[in-house]
PDB file of N, CA and C in Angstrom:
ATOM      1  N   UNK A   1       0.836  -1.204   0.000  1.00  0.00           N
ATOM      2  CA  UNK A   1       0.000   0.000   0.000  1.00  0.00           C
ATOM      3  C   UNK A   1       0.873   1.258   0.000  1.00  0.00           C
ATOM      4  N   UNK A   2       2.124   1.105   0.412  1.00  0.00           N
ATOM      5  CA  UNK A   2       3.025   2.259   0.493  1.00  0.00           C
ATOM      6  C   UNK A   2       3.171   2.908  -0.884  1.00  0.00           C
ATOM      7  N   UNK A   3       3.302   2.061  -1.916  1.00  0.00           N
ATOM      8  CA  UNK A   3       3.453   2.601  -3.272  1.00  0.00           C
ATOM      9  C   UNK A   3       2.184   3.328  -3.697  1.00  0.00           C
ATOM     10  N   UNK A   4       1.033   2.743  -3.386  1.00  0.00           N
ATOM     11  CA  UNK A   4      -0.237   3.364  -3.762  1.00  0.00           C
ATOM     12  C   UNK A   4      -0.366   4.729  -3.098  1.00  0.00           C
ATOM     13  N   UNK A   5      -0.036   4.782  -1.809  1.00  0.00           N
ATOM     14  CA  UNK A   5      -0.114   6.048  -1.082  1.00  0.00           C
ATOM     15  C   UNK A   5       0.817   7.078  -1.703  1.00  0.00           C
ATOM     16  N   UNK A   6       2.000   6.631  -2.118  1.00  0.00           N
ATOM     17  CA  UNK A   6       2.964   7.541  -2.730  1.00  0.00           C
ATOM     18  C   UNK A   6       2.400   8.109  -4.030  1.00  0.00           C
ATOM     19  N   UNK A   7       1.782   7.225  -4.825  1.00  0.00           N
ATOM     20  CA  UNK A   7       1.193   7.673  -6.094  1.00  0.00           C
ATOM     21  C   UNK A   7       0.074   8.667  -5.831  1.00  0.00           C
ATOM     22  N   UNK A   8      -0.729   8.389  -4.804  1.00  0.00           N
ATOM     23  CA  UNK A   8      -1.830   9.296  -4.473  1.00  0.00           C
ATOM     24  C   UNK A   8      -1.282  10.631  -3.987  1.00  0.00           C
ATOM     25  N   UNK A   9      -0.154  10.579  -3.292  1.00  0.00           N
ATOM     26  CA  UNK A   9       0.445  11.810  -2.763  1.00  0.00           C
ATOM     27  C   UNK A   9       1.051  12.638  -3.889  1.00  0.00           C
ATOM     28  N   UNK A  10       1.631  11.959  -4.886  1.00  0.00           N
ATOM     29  CA  UNK A  10       2.277  12.682  -5.988  1.00  0.00           C
ATOM     30  C   UNK A  10       1.771  12.178  -7.340  1.00  0.00           C
ATOM     31  N   UNK A  11       0.494  12.421  -7.653  1.00  0.00           N
ATOM     32  CA  UNK A  11      -0.088  11.948  -8.914  1.00  0.00           C
ATOM     33  C   UNK A  11       0.561  12.626 -10.117  1.00  0.00           C
ATOM     34  N   UNK A  12       1.002  13.878  -9.936  1.00  0.00           N
ATOM     35  CA  UNK A  12       1.599  14.622 -11.047  1.00  0.00           C
ATOM     36  C   UNK A  12       2.926  14.000 -11.474  1.00  0.00           C
ATOM     37  N   UNK A  13       3.715  13.555 -10.502  1.00  0.00           N
ATOM     38  CA  UNK A  13       5.040  13.008 -10.807  1.00  0.00           C
ATOM     39  C   UNK A  13       4.913  11.659 -11.520  1.00  0.00           C
ATOM     40  N   UNK A  14       3.875  10.902 -11.207  1.00  0.00           N
ATOM     41  CA  UNK A  14       3.717   9.574 -11.797  1.00  0.00           C
ATOM     42  C   UNK A  14       2.805   9.618 -13.025  1.00  0.00           C
ATOM     43  N   UNK A  15       1.560  10.043 -12.818  1.00  0.00           N
ATOM     44  CA  UNK A  15       0.608  10.111 -13.943  1.00  0.00           C
ATOM     45  C   UNK A  15      -0.327  11.294 -13.750  1.00  0.00           C
ATOM     46  N   UNK A  16       0.092  12.453 -14.204  1.00  0.00           N
ATOM     47  CA  UNK A  16      -0.721  13.658 -14.050  1.00  0.00           C
ATOM     48  C   UNK A  16      -1.911  13.650 -14.993  1.00  0.00           C
ATOM     49  N   UNK A  17      -1.893  12.740 -15.985  1.00  0.00           N
ATOM     50  CA  UNK A  17      -2.988  12.691 -16.956  1.00  0.00           C
ATOM     51  C   UNK A  17      -4.280  12.200 -16.297  1.00  0.00           C
ATOM     52  N   UNK A  18      -4.112  11.342 -15.277  1.00  0.00           N
ATOM     53  CA  UNK A  18      -5.300  10.810 -14.604  1.00  0.00           C
ATOM     54  C   UNK A  18      -5.946  11.875 -13.739  1.00  0.00           C
ATOM     55  N   UNK A  19      -7.265  11.870 -13.713  1.00  0.00           N
ATOM     56  CA  UNK A  19      -7.984  12.860 -12.908  1.00  0.00           C
ATOM     57  C   UNK A  19      -8.073  12.403 -11.456  1.00  0.00           C
ATOM     58  N   UNK A  20      -8.185  13.342 -10.502  1.00  0.00           N
ATOM     59  CA  UNK A  20      -8.299  13.017  -9.071  1.00  0.00           C
ATOM     60  C   UNK A  20      -9.415  12.014  -8.808  1.00  0.00           C
ATOM     61  N   UNK A  21     -10.517  12.159  -9.546  1.00  0.00           N
ATOM     62  CA  UNK A  21     -11.660  11.259  -9.346  1.00  0.00           C
ATOM     63  C   UNK A  21     -11.252   9.820  -9.622  1.00  0.00           C
ATOM     64  N   UNK A  22     -10.442   9.636 -10.649  1.00  0.00           N
ATOM     65  CA  UNK A  22      -9.981   8.289 -11.002  1.00  0.00           C
ATOM     66  C   UNK A  22      -9.133   7.716  -9.881  1.00  0.00           C
ATOM     67  N   UNK A  23      -8.242   8.573  -9.324  1.00  0.00           N
ATOM     68  CA  UNK A  23      -7.378   8.127  -8.227  1.00  0.00           C
ATOM     69  C   UNK A  23      -8.223   7.739  -7.025  1.00  0.00           C
ATOM     70  N   UNK A  24      -9.291   8.506  -6.759  1.00  0.00           N
ATOM     71  CA  UNK A  24     -10.170   8.202  -5.628  1.00  0.00           C
ATOM     72  C   UNK A  24     -10.822   6.842  -5.841  1.00  0.00           C
ATOM     73  N   UNK A  25     -11.241   6.575  -7.066  1.00  0.00           N
ATOM     74  CA  UNK A  25     -11.881   5.290  -7.370  1.00  0.00           C
ATOM     75  C   UNK A  25     -10.900   4.149  -7.134  1.00  0.00           C
ATOM     76  N   UNK A  26      -9.659   4.340  -7.586  1.00  0.00           N
ATOM     77  CA  UNK A  26      -8.635   3.304  -7.412  1.00  0.00           C
ATOM     78  C   UNK A  26      -8.374   3.062  -5.928  1.00  0.00           C
ATOM     79  N   UNK A  27      -8.282   4.153  -5.171  1.00  0.00           N
ATOM     80  CA  UNK A  27      -8.013   4.026  -3.729  1.00  0.00           C
ATOM     81  C   UNK A  27      -9.141   3.256  -3.049  1.00  0.00           C
ATOM     82  N   UNK A  28     -10.385   3.512  -3.493  1.00  0.00           N
ATOM     83  CA  UNK A  28     -11.533   2.809  -2.901  1.00  0.00           C
ATOM     84  C   UNK A  28     -11.447   1.318  -3.208  1.00  0.00           C
ATOM     85  N   UNK A  29     -11.071   0.981  -4.440  1.00  0.00           N
ATOM     86  CA  UNK A  29     -10.958  -0.426  -4.822  1.00  0.00           C
ATOM     87  C   UNK A  29      -9.901  -1.124  -3.973  1.00  0.00           C
ATOM     88  N   UNK A  30      -8.755  -0.450  -3.772  1.00  0.00           N
ATOM     89  CA  UNK A  30      -7.687  -1.049  -2.971  1.00  0.00           C
ATOM     90  C   UNK A  30      -8.112  -1.178  -1.516  1.00  0.00           C
ATOM     91  N   UNK A  31      -8.909  -0.209  -1.056  1.00  0.00           N
ATOM     92  CA  UNK A  31      -9.369  -0.251   0.335  1.00  0.00           C
ATOM     93  C   UNK A  31     -10.265  -1.473   0.547  1.00  0.00           C
ATOM     94  N   UNK A  32     -11.124  -1.742  -0.439  1.00  0.00           N
ATOM     95  CA  UNK A  32     -12.014  -2.890  -0.330  1.00  0.00           C
ATOM     96  C   UNK A  32     -11.199  -4.181  -0.473  1.00  0.00           C
TER      97      UNK A  32
END
């Protein structure tokens, strides 16, 4: 989960093309 948190913390450095909403959806999936 550390990597996921890092990506969520720095979405611009990894994939700025993705929208925040998409990241939220991904985080929810990982949480479940």
